[in-house]
N, C-alpha and C. Protein backbone atom coordinates (compact mmCIF):
# COMPACT_ATOMS: atom_id res chain seq x y z
N MET A 1 225.36 237.38 24.25
CA MET A 1 226.64 237.52 24.90
C MET A 1 227.70 237.94 23.90
N GLU A 2 228.65 238.66 24.41
CA GLU A 2 229.75 239.10 23.56
C GLU A 2 230.83 238.03 23.51
N SER A 3 231.39 237.86 22.33
CA SER A 3 232.48 236.89 22.21
C SER A 3 233.78 237.54 22.66
N PRO A 4 234.63 236.78 23.34
CA PRO A 4 235.89 237.37 23.80
C PRO A 4 236.80 237.67 22.62
N MET A 5 237.54 238.76 22.73
CA MET A 5 238.47 239.16 21.67
C MET A 5 239.70 238.26 21.72
N THR A 6 240.05 237.72 20.59
CA THR A 6 241.28 236.92 20.52
C THR A 6 242.42 237.85 20.12
N GLU A 7 243.55 237.62 20.71
CA GLU A 7 244.70 238.45 20.39
C GLU A 7 245.26 238.03 19.04
N PRO A 8 245.66 239.00 18.22
CA PRO A 8 246.22 238.66 16.90
C PRO A 8 247.56 237.95 17.05
N PHE A 9 247.90 237.16 16.03
CA PHE A 9 249.16 236.42 16.05
C PHE A 9 250.34 237.38 16.05
N VAL A 10 250.25 238.46 15.27
CA VAL A 10 251.30 239.48 15.19
C VAL A 10 250.63 240.84 15.38
N ASP A 11 251.17 241.65 16.28
CA ASP A 11 250.56 242.98 16.46
C ASP A 11 251.01 243.92 15.34
N VAL A 12 250.44 245.10 15.32
CA VAL A 12 250.65 246.02 14.20
C VAL A 12 252.12 246.44 14.08
N ASP A 13 252.73 246.81 15.18
CA ASP A 13 254.13 247.26 15.12
C ASP A 13 255.06 246.16 14.65
N GLN A 14 254.84 244.95 15.15
CA GLN A 14 255.68 243.84 14.75
C GLN A 14 255.44 243.49 13.28
N GLY A 15 254.21 243.60 12.81
CA GLY A 15 253.90 243.34 11.41
C GLY A 15 254.57 244.33 10.48
N ILE A 16 254.55 245.61 10.87
CA ILE A 16 255.21 246.64 10.06
C ILE A 16 256.72 246.38 10.01
N CYS A 17 257.28 246.02 11.15
CA CYS A 17 258.72 245.75 11.22
C CYS A 17 259.09 244.55 10.36
N LEU A 18 258.30 243.48 10.44
CA LEU A 18 258.59 242.28 9.64
C LEU A 18 258.43 242.56 8.14
N THR A 19 257.44 243.36 7.78
CA THR A 19 257.26 243.73 6.37
C THR A 19 258.44 244.54 5.87
N PHE A 20 258.88 245.52 6.66
CA PHE A 20 260.02 246.35 6.28
C PHE A 20 261.28 245.50 6.13
N LEU A 21 261.51 244.59 7.07
CA LEU A 21 262.70 243.74 7.00
C LEU A 21 262.63 242.80 5.80
N SER A 22 261.45 242.31 5.48
CA SER A 22 261.30 241.44 4.30
C SER A 22 261.61 242.21 3.02
N LEU A 23 261.09 243.43 2.91
CA LEU A 23 261.35 244.24 1.72
C LEU A 23 262.83 244.59 1.61
N MET A 24 263.46 244.90 2.73
CA MET A 24 264.89 245.20 2.70
C MET A 24 265.70 243.97 2.31
N GLY A 25 265.29 242.80 2.76
CA GLY A 25 265.97 241.56 2.39
C GLY A 25 265.85 241.29 0.89
N LEU A 26 264.66 241.51 0.34
CA LEU A 26 264.47 241.33 -1.10
C LEU A 26 265.30 242.33 -1.90
N PHE A 27 265.36 243.57 -1.43
CA PHE A 27 266.18 244.58 -2.09
C PHE A 27 267.66 244.19 -2.05
N LEU A 28 268.12 243.71 -0.90
CA LEU A 28 269.51 243.29 -0.77
C LEU A 28 269.81 242.12 -1.69
N LEU A 29 268.91 241.17 -1.78
CA LEU A 29 269.10 240.02 -2.66
C LEU A 29 269.16 240.46 -4.12
N ALA A 30 268.28 241.37 -4.52
CA ALA A 30 268.29 241.87 -5.90
C ALA A 30 269.59 242.60 -6.21
N MET A 31 270.09 243.39 -5.27
CA MET A 31 271.36 244.10 -5.49
C MET A 31 272.54 243.13 -5.56
N MET A 32 272.50 242.07 -4.77
CA MET A 32 273.58 241.08 -4.82
C MET A 32 273.60 240.38 -6.17
N VAL A 33 272.42 240.04 -6.70
CA VAL A 33 272.35 239.39 -8.01
C VAL A 33 272.82 240.34 -9.09
N ARG A 34 272.41 241.61 -9.01
CA ARG A 34 272.82 242.59 -10.02
C ARG A 34 274.34 242.81 -9.99
N CYS A 35 274.90 242.92 -8.81
CA CYS A 35 276.35 243.13 -8.72
C CYS A 35 277.12 241.89 -9.18
N ALA A 36 276.60 240.71 -8.89
CA ALA A 36 277.25 239.49 -9.34
C ALA A 36 277.26 239.41 -10.87
N LYS A 37 276.15 239.80 -11.49
CA LYS A 37 276.10 239.80 -12.96
C LYS A 37 277.09 240.81 -13.53
N LEU A 38 277.24 241.95 -12.88
CA LEU A 38 278.18 242.97 -13.34
C LEU A 38 279.62 242.50 -13.20
N ILE A 39 279.91 241.77 -12.14
CA ILE A 39 281.28 241.27 -11.94
C ILE A 39 281.60 240.18 -12.96
N VAL A 40 280.62 239.33 -13.26
CA VAL A 40 280.86 238.23 -14.20
C VAL A 40 281.09 238.75 -15.61
N ASP A 41 280.25 239.71 -16.06
CA ASP A 41 280.37 240.22 -17.42
C ASP A 41 280.18 241.73 -17.41
N PRO A 42 281.24 242.51 -17.14
CA PRO A 42 281.08 243.95 -16.97
C PRO A 42 280.77 244.71 -18.27
N TYR A 43 281.13 244.15 -19.42
CA TYR A 43 280.98 244.90 -20.66
C TYR A 43 279.56 244.91 -21.20
N THR A 44 278.70 244.03 -20.72
CA THR A 44 277.31 244.07 -21.18
C THR A 44 276.55 245.24 -20.58
N ALA A 45 277.03 245.78 -19.47
CA ALA A 45 276.36 246.90 -18.82
C ALA A 45 276.65 248.22 -19.52
N ILE A 46 277.69 248.27 -20.36
CA ILE A 46 278.06 249.50 -21.05
C ILE A 46 277.36 249.52 -22.41
N PRO A 47 276.57 250.54 -22.69
CA PRO A 47 275.95 250.60 -24.01
C PRO A 47 277.00 250.79 -25.10
N THR A 48 276.81 250.13 -26.23
CA THR A 48 277.81 250.20 -27.29
C THR A 48 277.81 251.57 -27.97
N SER A 49 276.77 252.36 -27.81
CA SER A 49 276.73 253.67 -28.45
C SER A 49 277.71 254.65 -27.81
N THR A 50 278.18 254.35 -26.60
CA THR A 50 279.12 255.25 -25.93
C THR A 50 280.57 254.90 -26.24
N TRP A 51 280.80 253.78 -26.91
CA TRP A 51 282.16 253.40 -27.24
C TRP A 51 282.69 254.33 -28.34
N GLN A 52 283.93 254.71 -28.19
CA GLN A 52 284.56 255.56 -29.21
C GLN A 52 285.70 254.78 -29.83
N GLU A 53 285.77 254.85 -31.13
CA GLU A 53 286.86 254.18 -31.82
C GLU A 53 288.11 255.04 -31.72
N GLU A 54 289.23 254.35 -31.64
CA GLU A 54 290.49 255.07 -31.58
C GLU A 54 290.81 255.61 -32.98
N PRO A 55 291.26 256.82 -33.04
CA PRO A 55 291.58 257.37 -34.39
C PRO A 55 292.79 256.66 -34.98
N LEU A 56 292.69 256.36 -36.25
CA LEU A 56 293.81 255.73 -36.95
C LEU A 56 294.63 256.80 -37.63
N ASP A 57 295.91 256.83 -37.33
CA ASP A 57 296.80 257.84 -37.93
C ASP A 57 297.43 257.33 -39.19
């Protein structure tokens, strides 16, 4: 006898949507942390090699 097919807990379309939303949430969280670090200490993001000294007259 054949065993009856059980329906999956999440179908394919819903699984893809949940995966996409999870990845977008992680991306948003990472950007929020990065922006918060930039707001707290903005000068660490600027490389020191681009700083120019003011000419002394």
